[in-house]
PDB file of N, CA and C in Angstrom:
ATOM      1  N   MET A   1     -16.718 -46.423   9.330  1.00  0.00           N
ATOM      2  CA  MET A   1     -16.768 -45.159  10.032  1.00  0.00           C
ATOM      3  C   MET A   1     -15.785 -44.199   9.380  1.00  0.00           C
ATOM      4  N   VAL A   2     -16.277 -43.002   9.064  1.00  0.00           N
ATOM      5  CA  VAL A   2     -15.449 -41.989   8.408  1.00  0.00           C
ATOM      6  C   VAL A   2     -14.897 -41.046   9.458  1.00  0.00           C
ATOM      7  N   ILE A   3     -13.591 -40.895   9.401  1.00  0.00           N
ATOM      8  CA  ILE A   3     -12.932 -39.992  10.342  1.00  0.00           C
ATOM      9  C   ILE A   3     -12.743 -38.638   9.643  1.00  0.00           C
ATOM     10  N   PRO A   4     -13.259 -37.560  10.217  1.00  0.00           N
ATOM     11  CA  PRO A   4     -13.097 -36.254   9.570  1.00  0.00           C
ATOM     12  C   PRO A   4     -11.637 -35.788   9.673  1.00  0.00           C
ATOM     13  N   PRO A   5     -11.200 -34.968   8.736  1.00  0.00           N
ATOM     14  CA  PRO A   5      -9.832 -34.466   8.808  1.00  0.00           C
ATOM     15  C   PRO A   5      -9.669 -33.546  10.015  1.00  0.00           C
ATOM     16  N   PRO A   6      -8.446 -33.433  10.504  1.00  0.00           N
ATOM     17  CA  PRO A   6      -8.242 -32.576  11.680  1.00  0.00           C
ATOM     18  C   PRO A   6      -8.536 -31.114  11.342  1.00  0.00           C
ATOM     19  N   ALA A   7      -9.028 -30.405  12.324  1.00  0.00           N
ATOM     20  CA  ALA A   7      -9.357 -28.990  12.125  1.00  0.00           C
ATOM     21  C   ALA A   7      -8.063 -28.188  12.000  1.00  0.00           C
ATOM     22  N   ARG A   8      -8.028 -27.318  11.009  1.00  0.00           N
ATOM     23  CA  ARG A   8      -6.843 -26.492  10.794  1.00  0.00           C
ATOM     24  C   ARG A   8      -6.984 -25.182  11.549  1.00  0.00           C
ATOM     25  N   ALA A   9      -5.897 -24.723  12.063  1.00  0.00           N
ATOM     26  CA  ALA A   9      -5.895 -23.440  12.767  1.00  0.00           C
ATOM     27  C   ALA A   9      -6.119 -22.319  11.756  1.00  0.00           C
ATOM     28  N   PRO A  10      -6.851 -21.295  12.113  1.00  0.00           N
ATOM     29  CA  PRO A  10      -7.071 -20.189  11.174  1.00  0.00           C
ATOM     30  C   PRO A  10      -5.750 -19.450  10.922  1.00  0.00           C
ATOM     31  N   ASN A  11      -5.652 -18.882   9.736  1.00  0.00           N
ATOM     32  CA  ASN A  11      -4.452 -18.136   9.380  1.00  0.00           C
ATOM     33  C   ASN A  11      -4.417 -16.845  10.199  1.00  0.00           C
ATOM     34  N   ILE A  12      -3.546 -16.831  11.187  1.00  0.00           N
ATOM     35  CA  ILE A  12      -3.493 -15.709  12.119  1.00  0.00           C
ATOM     36  C   ILE A  12      -2.953 -14.456  11.443  1.00  0.00           C
ATOM     37  N   ALA A  13      -2.113 -14.615  10.425  1.00  0.00           N
ATOM     38  CA  ALA A  13      -1.540 -13.451   9.757  1.00  0.00           C
ATOM     39  C   ALA A  13      -2.615 -12.569   9.128  1.00  0.00           C
ATOM     40  N   LYS A  14      -3.725 -13.154   8.714  1.00  0.00           N
ATOM     41  CA  LYS A  14      -4.799 -12.353   8.146  1.00  0.00           C
ATOM     42  C   LYS A  14      -5.376 -11.399   9.173  1.00  0.00           C
ATOM     43  N   TYR A  15      -5.369 -11.805  10.428  1.00  0.00           N
ATOM     44  CA  TYR A  15      -5.964 -10.976  11.461  1.00  0.00           C
ATOM     45  C   TYR A  15      -4.957 -10.008  12.072  1.00  0.00           C
ATOM     46  N   LEU A  16      -3.695 -10.360  12.059  1.00  0.00           N
ATOM     47  CA  LEU A  16      -2.685  -9.465  12.616  1.00  0.00           C
ATOM     48  C   LEU A  16      -2.336  -8.345  11.645  1.00  0.00           C
ATOM     49  N   LYS A  17      -2.368  -8.629  10.349  1.00  0.00           N
ATOM     50  CA  LYS A  17      -2.010  -7.638   9.342  1.00  0.00           C
ATOM     51  C   LYS A  17      -3.145  -7.520   8.324  1.00  0.00           C
ATOM     52  N   PRO A  18      -4.229  -6.858   8.702  1.00  0.00           N
ATOM     53  CA  PRO A  18      -5.364  -6.839   7.784  1.00  0.00           C
ATOM     54  C   PRO A  18      -5.192  -5.904   6.597  1.00  0.00           C
ATOM     55  N   TYR A  19      -4.356  -4.876   6.715  1.00  0.00           N
ATOM     56  CA  TYR A  19      -4.187  -3.927   5.624  1.00  0.00           C
ATOM     57  C   TYR A  19      -2.815  -4.098   4.974  1.00  0.00           C
ATOM     58  N   VAL A  20      -2.800  -4.193   3.649  1.00  0.00           N
ATOM     59  CA  VAL A  20      -1.564  -4.442   2.903  1.00  0.00           C
ATOM     60  C   VAL A  20      -1.367  -3.314   1.902  1.00  0.00           C
ATOM     61  N   LEU A  21      -0.161  -2.757   1.870  1.00  0.00           N
ATOM     62  CA  LEU A  21       0.198  -1.714   0.916  1.00  0.00           C
ATOM     63  C   LEU A  21       0.787  -2.363  -0.323  1.00  0.00           C
ATOM     64  N   ARG A  22       0.193  -2.081  -1.477  1.00  0.00           N
ATOM     65  CA  ARG A  22       0.704  -2.598  -2.748  1.00  0.00           C
ATOM     66  C   ARG A  22       0.987  -1.428  -3.673  1.00  0.00           C
ATOM     67  N   MET A  23       2.074  -1.540  -4.414  1.00  0.00           N
ATOM     68  CA  MET A  23       2.499  -0.465  -5.306  1.00  0.00           C
ATOM     69  C   MET A  23       2.625  -0.989  -6.725  1.00  0.00           C
ATOM     70  N   HIS A  24       2.347  -0.113  -7.675  1.00  0.00           N
ATOM     71  CA  HIS A  24       2.464  -0.472  -9.076  1.00  0.00           C
ATOM     72  C   HIS A  24       3.098   0.688  -9.823  1.00  0.00           C
ATOM     73  N   PHE A  25       4.119   0.381 -10.609  1.00  0.00           N
ATOM     74  CA  PHE A  25       4.841   1.404 -11.350  1.00  0.00           C
ATOM     75  C   PHE A  25       4.827   1.055 -12.831  1.00  0.00           C
ATOM     76  N   THR A  26       4.474   2.026 -13.658  1.00  0.00           N
ATOM     77  CA  THR A  26       4.563   1.859 -15.093  1.00  0.00           C
ATOM     78  C   THR A  26       5.563   2.880 -15.614  1.00  0.00           C
ATOM     79  N   ASN A  27       5.755   2.899 -16.915  1.00  0.00           N
ATOM     80  CA  ASN A  27       6.672   3.871 -17.496  1.00  0.00           C
ATOM     81  C   ASN A  27       6.120   5.293 -17.444  1.00  0.00           C
ATOM     82  N   LYS A  28       4.803   5.424 -17.201  1.00  0.00           N
ATOM     83  CA  LYS A  28       4.191   6.750 -17.175  1.00  0.00           C
ATOM     84  C   LYS A  28       3.691   7.165 -15.800  1.00  0.00           C
ATOM     85  N   TYR A  29       3.254   6.217 -14.966  1.00  0.00           N
ATOM     86  CA  TYR A  29       2.552   6.571 -13.736  1.00  0.00           C
ATOM     87  C   TYR A  29       3.051   5.769 -12.537  1.00  0.00           C
ATOM     88  N   VAL A  30       2.692   6.289 -11.355  1.00  0.00           N
ATOM     89  CA  VAL A  30       2.967   5.633 -10.079  1.00  0.00           C
ATOM     90  C   VAL A  30       1.633   5.495  -9.360  1.00  0.00           C
ATOM     91  N   SER A  31       1.337   4.318  -8.843  1.00  0.00           N
ATOM     92  CA  SER A  31       0.106   4.148  -8.076  1.00  0.00           C
ATOM     93  C   SER A  31       0.371   3.249  -6.879  1.00  0.00           C
ATOM     94  N   ALA A  32      -0.375   3.517  -5.806  1.00  0.00           N
ATOM     95  CA  ALA A  32      -0.267   2.711  -4.589  1.00  0.00           C
ATOM     96  C   ALA A  32      -1.665   2.570  -4.006  1.00  0.00           C
ATOM     97  N   GLN A  33      -1.926   1.415  -3.429  1.00  0.00           N
ATOM     98  CA  GLN A  33      -3.224   1.192  -2.811  1.00  0.00           C
ATOM     99  C   GLN A  33      -3.073   0.325  -1.577  1.00  0.00           C
ATOM    100  N   VAL A  34      -3.973   0.511  -0.649  1.00  0.00           N
ATOM    101  CA  VAL A  34      -4.015  -0.286   0.570  1.00  0.00           C
ATOM    102  C   VAL A  34      -5.251  -1.162   0.486  1.00  0.00           C
ATOM    103  N   ILE A  35      -5.039  -2.460   0.627  1.00  0.00           N
ATOM    104  CA  ILE A  35      -6.104  -3.444   0.473  1.00  0.00           C
ATOM    105  C   ILE A  35      -6.412  -4.072   1.824  1.00  0.00           C
ATOM    106  N   HIS A  36      -7.698  -4.181   2.152  1.00  0.00           N
ATOM    107  CA  HIS A  36      -8.120  -4.907   3.351  1.00  0.00           C
ATOM    108  C   HIS A  36      -8.120  -6.383   2.999  1.00  0.00           C
ATOM    109  N   ARG A  37      -7.267  -7.127   3.636  1.00  0.00           N
ATOM    110  CA  ARG A  37      -6.983  -8.496   3.219  1.00  0.00           C
ATOM    111  C   ARG A  37      -8.164  -9.442   3.392  1.00  0.00           C
ATOM    112  N   SER A  38      -8.889  -9.325   4.471  1.00  0.00           N
ATOM    113  CA  SER A  38      -9.949 -10.303   4.717  1.00  0.00           C
ATOM    114  C   SER A  38     -11.170 -10.073   3.825  1.00  0.00           C
ATOM    115  N   THR A  39     -11.457  -8.837   3.449  1.00  0.00           N
ATOM    116  CA  THR A  39     -12.601  -8.577   2.580  1.00  0.00           C
ATOM    117  C   THR A  39     -12.199  -8.363   1.129  1.00  0.00           C
ATOM    118  N   ALA A  40     -10.919  -8.262   0.844  1.00  0.00           N
ATOM    119  CA  ALA A  40     -10.389  -8.068  -0.507  1.00  0.00           C
ATOM    120  C   ALA A  40     -10.951  -6.812  -1.162  1.00  0.00           C
ATOM    121  N   THR A  41     -11.053  -5.733  -0.377  1.00  0.00           N
ATOM    122  CA  THR A  41     -11.503  -4.463  -0.911  1.00  0.00           C
ATOM    123  C   THR A  41     -10.393  -3.422  -0.764  1.00  0.00           C
ATOM    124  N   VAL A  42     -10.430  -2.417  -1.597  1.00  0.00           N
ATOM    125  CA  VAL A  42      -9.441  -1.346  -1.541  1.00  0.00           C
ATOM    126  C   VAL A  42      -9.883  -0.352  -0.477  1.00  0.00           C
ATOM    127  N   ALA A  43      -9.049  -0.180   0.541  1.00  0.00           N
ATOM    128  CA  ALA A  43      -9.375   0.747   1.620  1.00  0.00           C
ATOM    129  C   ALA A  43      -9.050   2.175   1.213  1.00  0.00           C
ATOM    130  N   SER A  44      -7.915   2.370   0.538  1.00  0.00           N
ATOM    131  CA  SER A  44      -7.516   3.693   0.102  1.00  0.00           C
ATOM    132  C   SER A  44      -6.511   3.549  -1.028  1.00  0.00           C
ATOM    133  N   SER A  45      -6.446   4.564  -1.885  1.00  0.00           N
ATOM    134  CA  SER A  45      -5.489   4.508  -2.984  1.00  0.00           C
ATOM    135  C   SER A  45      -5.083   5.910  -3.382  1.00  0.00           C
ATOM    136  N   ALA A  46      -3.943   5.995  -4.059  1.00  0.00           N
ATOM    137  CA  ALA A  46      -3.452   7.260  -4.621  1.00  0.00           C
ATOM    138  C   ALA A  46      -2.680   6.926  -5.882  1.00  0.00           C
ATOM    139  N   SER A  47      -2.820   7.770  -6.883  1.00  0.00           N
ATOM    140  CA  SER A  47      -2.170   7.518  -8.154  1.00  0.00           C
ATOM    141  C   SER A  47      -1.805   8.844  -8.799  1.00  0.00           C
ATOM    142  N   SER A  48      -0.762   8.828  -9.612  1.00  0.00           N
ATOM    143  CA  SER A  48      -0.388  10.036 -10.333  1.00  0.00           C
ATOM    144  C   SER A  48      -1.295  10.248 -11.537  1.00  0.00           C
ATOM    145  N   GLN A  49      -2.246   9.352 -11.773  1.00  0.00           N
ATOM    146  CA  GLN A  49      -3.219   9.522 -12.845  1.00  0.00           C
ATOM    147  C   GLN A  49      -4.409  10.387 -12.423  1.00  0.00           C
ATOM    148  N   GLU A  50      -4.560  10.637 -11.126  1.00  0.00           N
ATOM    149  CA  GLU A  50      -5.674  11.448 -10.654  1.00  0.00           C
ATOM    150  C   GLU A  50      -5.529  12.871 -11.179  1.00  0.00           C
ATOM    151  N   LYS A  51      -6.629  13.433 -11.615  1.00  0.00           N
ATOM    152  CA  LYS A  51      -6.593  14.725 -12.276  1.00  0.00           C
ATOM    153  C   LYS A  51      -6.088  15.829 -11.351  1.00  0.00           C
ATOM    154  N   ALA A  52      -6.511  15.830 -10.101  1.00  0.00           N
ATOM    155  CA  ALA A  52      -6.088  16.864  -9.157  1.00  0.00           C
ATOM    156  C   ALA A  52      -4.585  16.783  -8.874  1.00  0.00           C
ATOM    157  N   LEU A  53      -4.052  15.569  -8.842  1.00  0.00           N
ATOM    158  CA  LEU A  53      -2.620  15.409  -8.578  1.00  0.00           C
ATOM    159  C   LEU A  53      -1.782  15.660  -9.818  1.00  0.00           C
ATOM    160  N   ARG A  54      -2.304  15.313 -10.973  1.00  0.00           N
ATOM    161  CA  ARG A  54      -1.570  15.453 -12.225  1.00  0.00           C
ATOM    162  C   ARG A  54      -1.180  16.906 -12.481  1.00  0.00           C
ATOM    163  N   GLU A  55      -2.084  17.825 -12.147  1.00  0.00           N
ATOM    164  CA  GLU A  55      -1.825  19.237 -12.400  1.00  0.00           C
ATOM    165  C   GLU A  55      -0.766  19.807 -11.466  1.00  0.00           C
ATOM    166  N   SER A  56      -0.640  19.260 -10.258  1.00  0.00           N
ATOM    167  CA  SER A  56       0.290  19.819  -9.284  1.00  0.00           C
ATOM    168  C   SER A  56       1.675  19.171  -9.326  1.00  0.00           C
ATOM    169  N   MET A  57       1.858  18.138 -10.132  1.00  0.00           N
ATOM    170  CA  MET A  57       3.140  17.437 -10.169  1.00  0.00           C
ATOM    171  C   MET A  57       3.899  17.781 -11.445  1.00  0.00           C
ATOM    172  N   ASP A  58       5.233  17.909 -11.303  1.00  0.00           N
ATOM    173  CA  ASP A  58       6.068  18.184 -12.469  1.00  0.00           C
ATOM    174  C   ASP A  58       6.202  16.939 -13.336  1.00  0.00           C
ATOM    175  N   SER A  59       6.607  15.840 -12.719  1.00  0.00           N
ATOM    176  CA  SER A  59       6.745  14.579 -13.427  1.00  0.00           C
ATOM    177  C   SER A  59       5.832  13.555 -12.764  1.00  0.00           C
ATOM    178  N   LEU A  60       5.302  12.649 -13.550  1.00  0.00           N
ATOM    179  CA  LEU A  60       4.345  11.676 -13.031  1.00  0.00           C
ATOM    180  C   LEU A  60       4.961  10.324 -12.726  1.00  0.00           C
ATOM    181  N   ARG A  61       6.260  10.156 -12.957  1.00  0.00           N
ATOM    182  CA  ARG A  61       6.823   8.811 -12.838  1.00  0.00           C
ATOM    183  C   ARG A  61       8.145   8.706 -12.101  1.00  0.00           C
ATOM    184  N   ASP A  62       8.716   9.795 -11.626  1.00  0.00           N
ATOM    185  CA  ASP A  62      10.033   9.719 -11.001  1.00  0.00           C
ATOM    186  C   ASP A  62       9.919   9.499  -9.493  1.00  0.00           C
ATOM    187  N   VAL A  63      11.040   9.559  -8.804  1.00  0.00           N
ATOM    188  CA  VAL A  63      11.080   9.283  -7.367  1.00  0.00           C
ATOM    189  C   VAL A  63      10.322  10.357  -6.593  1.00  0.00           C
ATOM    190  N   ALA A  64      10.396  11.613  -7.053  1.00  0.00           N
ATOM    191  CA  ALA A  64       9.663  12.680  -6.371  1.00  0.00           C
ATOM    192  C   ALA A  64       8.154  12.463  -6.463  1.00  0.00           C
ATOM    193  N   ALA A  65       7.693  11.988  -7.598  1.00  0.00           N
ATOM    194  CA  ALA A  65       6.268  11.678  -7.752  1.00  0.00           C
ATOM    195  C   ALA A  65       5.879  10.530  -6.838  1.00  0.00           C
ATOM    196  N   ALA A  66       6.725   9.528  -6.715  1.00  0.00           N
ATOM    197  CA  ALA A  66       6.451   8.399  -5.826  1.00  0.00           C
ATOM    198  C   ALA A  66       6.379   8.861  -4.374  1.00  0.00           C
ATOM    199  N   ALA A  67       7.262   9.784  -3.983  1.00  0.00           N
ATOM    200  CA  ALA A  67       7.237  10.303  -2.615  1.00  0.00           C
ATOM    201  C   ALA A  67       5.948  11.075  -2.353  1.00  0.00           C
ATOM    202  N   LYS A  68       5.495  11.847  -3.323  1.00  0.00           N
ATOM    203  CA  LYS A  68       4.261  12.615  -3.145  1.00  0.00           C
ATOM    204  C   LYS A  68       3.048  11.688  -3.071  1.00  0.00           C
ATOM    205  N   ILE A  69       3.027  10.645  -3.871  1.00  0.00           N
ATOM    206  CA  ILE A  69       1.936   9.672  -3.826  1.00  0.00           C
ATOM    207  C   ILE A  69       1.902   8.990  -2.456  1.00  0.00           C
ATOM    208  N   GLY A  70       3.066   8.634  -1.923  1.00  0.00           N
ATOM    209  CA  GLY A  70       3.128   8.014  -0.602  1.00  0.00           C
ATOM    210  C   GLY A  70       2.629   8.938   0.492  1.00  0.00           C
ATOM    211  N   LYS A  71       2.976  10.226   0.400  1.00  0.00           N
ATOM    212  CA  LYS A  71       2.529  11.185   1.404  1.00  0.00           C
ATOM    213  C   LYS A  71       1.015  11.353   1.359  1.00  0.00           C
ATOM    214  N   ILE A  72       0.461  11.463   0.162  1.00  0.00           N
ATOM    215  CA  ILE A  72      -0.989  11.620   0.020  1.00  0.00           C
ATOM    216  C   ILE A  72      -1.719  10.366   0.503  1.00  0.00           C
ATOM    217  N   LEU A  73      -1.186   9.200   0.173  1.00  0.00           N
ATOM    218  CA  LEU A  73      -1.795   7.950   0.627  1.00  0.00           C
ATOM    219  C   LEU A  73      -1.762   7.849   2.149  1.00  0.00           C
ATOM    220  N   GLY A  74      -0.649   8.237   2.765  1.00  0.00           N
ATOM    221  CA  GLY A  74      -0.557   8.215   4.224  1.00  0.00           C
ATOM    222  C   GLY A  74      -1.575   9.131   4.878  1.00  0.00           C
ATOM    223  N   GLU A  75      -1.776  10.318   4.305  1.00  0.00           N
ATOM    224  CA  GLU A  75      -2.772  11.245   4.853  1.00  0.00           C
ATOM    225  C   GLU A  75      -4.183  10.681   4.702  1.00  0.00           C
ATOM    226  N   ARG A  76      -4.465  10.041   3.573  1.00  0.00           N
ATOM    227  CA  ARG A  76      -5.786   9.445   3.372  1.00  0.00           C
ATOM    228  C   ARG A  76      -6.032   8.291   4.330  1.00  0.00           C
ATOM    229  N   LEU A  77      -4.973   7.529   4.634  1.00  0.00           N
ATOM    230  CA  LEU A  77      -5.123   6.425   5.581  1.00  0.00           C
ATOM    231  C   LEU A  77      -5.430   6.937   6.979  1.00  0.00           C
ATOM    232  N   LEU A  78      -4.773   8.012   7.386  1.00  0.00           N
ATOM    233  CA  LEU A  78      -5.034   8.559   8.712  1.00  0.00           C
ATOM    234  C   LEU A  78      -6.440   9.142   8.805  1.00  0.00           C
ATOM    235  N   LEU A  79      -6.944   9.703   7.708  1.00  0.00           N
ATOM    236  CA  LEU A  79      -8.316  10.215   7.713  1.00  0.00           C
ATOM    237  C   LEU A  79      -9.330   9.084   7.860  1.00  0.00           C
ATOM    238  N   GLN A  80      -9.001   7.894   7.388  1.00  0.00           N
ATOM    239  CA  GLN A  80      -9.900   6.740   7.500  1.00  0.00           C
ATOM    240  C   GLN A  80      -9.632   5.906   8.747  1.00  0.00           C
ATOM    241  N   ASN A  81      -8.811   6.418   9.657  1.00  0.00           N
ATOM    242  CA  ASN A  81      -8.482   5.740  10.918  1.00  0.00           C
ATOM    243  C   ASN A  81      -7.836   4.378  10.687  1.00  0.00           C
ATOM    244  N   ILE A  82      -6.900   4.320   9.753  1.00  0.00           N
ATOM    245  CA  ILE A  82      -6.102   3.116   9.537  1.00  0.00           C
ATOM    246  C   ILE A  82      -4.697   3.435  10.027  1.00  0.00           C
ATOM    247  N   PRO A  83      -4.316   2.982  11.231  1.00  0.00           N
ATOM    248  CA  PRO A  83      -3.048   3.408  11.813  1.00  0.00           C
ATOM    249  C   PRO A  83      -1.828   2.625  11.340  1.00  0.00           C
ATOM    250  N   ALA A  84      -2.023   1.415  10.793  1.00  0.00           N
ATOM    251  CA  ALA A  84      -0.876   0.580  10.440  1.00  0.00           C
ATOM    252  C   ALA A  84      -1.189  -0.260   9.209  1.00  0.00           C
ATOM    253  N   VAL A  85      -0.168  -0.467   8.385  1.00  0.00           N
ATOM    254  CA  VAL A  85      -0.285  -1.315   7.205  1.00  0.00           C
ATOM    255  C   VAL A  85       0.966  -2.176   7.109  1.00  0.00           C
ATOM    256  N   SER A  86       0.847  -3.284   6.401  1.00  0.00           N
ATOM    257  CA  SER A  86       2.027  -4.079   6.095  1.00  0.00           C
ATOM    258  C   SER A  86       2.351  -3.880   4.620  1.00  0.00           C
ATOM    259  N   VAL A  87       3.614  -4.033   4.277  1.00  0.00           N
ATOM    260  CA  VAL A  87       4.077  -3.780   2.917  1.00  0.00           C
ATOM    261  C   VAL A  87       4.204  -5.107   2.184  1.00  0.00           C
ATOM    262  N   HIS A  88       3.631  -5.175   1.007  1.00  0.00           N
ATOM    263  CA  HIS A  88       3.719  -6.365   0.169  1.00  0.00           C
ATOM    264  C   HIS A  88       4.578  -6.033  -1.036  1.00  0.00           C
ATOM    265  N   LEU A  89       5.739  -6.677  -1.136  1.00  0.00           N
ATOM    266  CA  LEU A  89       6.617  -6.483  -2.284  1.00  0.00           C
ATOM    267  C   LEU A  89       6.615  -7.746  -3.130  1.00  0.00           C
ATOM    268  N   LYS A  90       6.598  -7.558  -4.426  1.00  0.00           N
ATOM    269  CA  LYS A  90       6.687  -8.700  -5.320  1.00  0.00           C
ATOM    270  C   LYS A  90       8.111  -9.229  -5.304  1.00  0.00           C
ATOM    271  N   ARG A  91       8.313 -10.367  -5.910  1.00  0.00           N
ATOM    272  CA  ARG A  91       9.612 -11.019  -5.862  1.00  0.00           C
ATOM    273  C   ARG A  91      10.716 -10.150  -6.475  1.00  0.00           C
ATOM    274  N   GLU A  92      10.400  -9.469  -7.572  1.00  0.00           N
ATOM    275  CA  GLU A  92      11.424  -8.695  -8.263  1.00  0.00           C
ATOM    276  C   GLU A  92      11.599  -7.286  -7.685  1.00  0.00           C
ATOM    277  N   GLN A  93      10.711  -6.871  -6.775  1.00  0.00           N
ATOM    278  CA  GLN A  93      10.809  -5.540  -6.201  1.00  0.00           C
ATOM    279  C   GLN A  93      11.789  -5.528  -5.040  1.00  0.00           C
ATOM    280  N   LYS A  94      12.642  -4.523  -5.030  1.00  0.00           N
ATOM    281  CA  LYS A  94      13.596  -4.338  -3.943  1.00  0.00           C
ATOM    282  C   LYS A  94      13.323  -3.013  -3.268  1.00  0.00           C
ATOM    283  N   TYR A  95      13.712  -2.912  -2.019  1.00  0.00           N
ATOM    284  CA  TYR A  95      13.500  -1.690  -1.248  1.00  0.00           C
ATOM    285  C   TYR A  95      14.526  -0.658  -1.706  1.00  0.00           C
ATOM    286  N   HIS A  96      14.216  -0.010  -2.825  1.00  0.00           N
ATOM    287  CA  HIS A  96      15.153   0.911  -3.439  1.00  0.00           C
ATOM    288  C   HIS A  96      14.395   1.830  -4.386  1.00  0.00           C
ATOM    289  N   GLY A  97      14.826   3.051  -4.538  1.00  0.00           N
ATOM    290  CA  GLY A  97      14.260   3.960  -5.520  1.00  0.00           C
ATOM    291  C   GLY A  97      12.836   4.370  -5.219  1.00  0.00           C
ATOM    292  N   LYS A  98      11.938   4.146  -6.173  1.00  0.00           N
ATOM    293  CA  LYS A  98      10.540   4.564  -6.039  1.00  0.00           C
ATOM    294  C   LYS A  98       9.835   3.843  -4.907  1.00  0.00           C
ATOM    295  N   ILE A  99      10.148   2.567  -4.720  1.00  0.00           N
ATOM    296  CA  ILE A  99       9.513   1.792  -3.647  1.00  0.00           C
ATOM    297  C   ILE A  99       9.899   2.363  -2.289  1.00  0.00           C
ATOM    298  N   LYS A 100      11.161   2.682  -2.135  1.00  0.00           N
ATOM    299  CA  LYS A 100      11.622   3.268  -0.881  1.00  0.00           C
ATOM    300  C   LYS A 100      10.980   4.633  -0.667  1.00  0.00           C
ATOM    301  N   ALA A 101      10.810   5.412  -1.732  1.00  0.00           N
ATOM    302  CA  ALA A 101      10.200   6.736  -1.607  1.00  0.00           C
ATOM    303  C   ALA A 101       8.749   6.627  -1.143  1.00  0.00           C
ATOM    304  N   VAL A 102       7.989   5.693  -1.707  1.00  0.00           N
ATOM    305  CA  VAL A 102       6.590   5.520  -1.305  1.00  0.00           C
ATOM    306  C   VAL A 102       6.501   5.059   0.142  1.00  0.00           C
ATOM    307  N   VAL A 103       7.267   4.049   0.500  1.00  0.00           N
ATOM    308  CA  VAL A 103       7.195   3.483   1.859  1.00  0.00           C
ATOM    309  C   VAL A 103       7.642   4.502   2.899  1.00  0.00           C
ATOM    310  N   ASP A 104       8.723   5.225   2.625  1.00  0.00           N
ATOM    311  CA  ASP A 104       9.195   6.218   3.582  1.00  0.00           C
ATOM    312  C   ASP A 104       8.228   7.395   3.724  1.00  0.00           C
ATOM    313  N   SER A 105       7.547   7.759   2.642  1.00  0.00           N
ATOM    314  CA  SER A 105       6.568   8.842   2.712  1.00  0.00           C
ATOM    315  C   SER A 105       5.340   8.440   3.494  1.00  0.00           C
ATOM    316  N   VAL A 106       4.896   7.188   3.327  1.00  0.00           N
ATOM    317  CA  VAL A 106       3.765   6.705   4.114  1.00  0.00           C
ATOM    318  C   VAL A 106       4.146   6.678   5.591  1.00  0.00           C
ATOM    319  N   ARG A 107       5.345   6.226   5.882  1.00  0.00           N
ATOM    320  CA  ARG A 107       5.823   6.195   7.269  1.00  0.00           C
ATOM    321  C   ARG A 107       5.956   7.619   7.812  1.00  0.00           C
ATOM    322  N   GLY A 108       6.438   8.541   6.989  1.00  0.00           N
ATOM    323  CA  GLY A 108       6.587   9.926   7.419  1.00  0.00           C
ATOM    324  C   GLY A 108       5.261  10.620   7.673  1.00  0.00           C
ATOM    325  N   ALA A 109       4.204  10.165   7.031  1.00  0.00           N
ATOM    326  CA  ALA A 109       2.877  10.752   7.249  1.00  0.00           C
ATOM    327  C   ALA A 109       2.278  10.323   8.585  1.00  0.00           C
ATOM    328  N   GLY A 110       2.866   9.322   9.229  1.00  0.00           N
ATOM    329  CA  GLY A 110       2.394   8.902  10.543  1.00  0.00           C
ATOM    330  C   GLY A 110       1.780   7.520  10.590  1.00  0.00           C
ATOM    331  N   VAL A 111       1.814   6.789   9.500  1.00  0.00           N
ATOM    332  CA  VAL A 111       1.262   5.438   9.472  1.00  0.00           C
ATOM    333  C   VAL A 111       2.366   4.459   9.862  1.00  0.00           C
ATOM    334  N   LYS A 112       2.075   3.541  10.752  1.00  0.00           N
ATOM    335  CA  LYS A 112       3.057   2.547  11.163  1.00  0.00           C
ATOM    336  C   LYS A 112       3.113   1.436  10.141  1.00  0.00           C
ATOM    337  N   LEU A 113       4.305   0.913   9.914  1.00  0.00           N
ATOM    338  CA  LEU A 113       4.489  -0.200   8.992  1.00  0.00           C
ATOM    339  C   LEU A 113       4.781  -1.459   9.785  1.00  0.00           C
ATOM    340  N   LEU A 114       4.079  -2.525   9.449  1.00  0.00           N
ATOM    341  CA  LEU A 114       4.265  -3.805  10.150  1.00  0.00           C
ATOM    342  C   LEU A 114       5.208  -4.692   9.385  1.00  0.00           C
TER     343      LEU A 114
END
């Protein structure tokens, strides 16, 4: 007689925090995107590579650019009725500089951070 393995509880964190904010910084550009965790699709994104944003920004890679990207991303999230996101930081990323500018701008736009 074969005994089946015990049933595992579903990962509750996937359901409590479905939207994750991820940021990527290069030497030239700043980009941020919000990913829906359960479907693995991009819900919204903003980047300093976008043509409309590139023309209105002085620099594409400094802290001011990161703050503007965060503000635009927050406004886009509210337009899509996404009220809250969780922040995903990589191991080497610290809450400082450009990362802090993006996160604080998203929070300032009215999106709650989990």
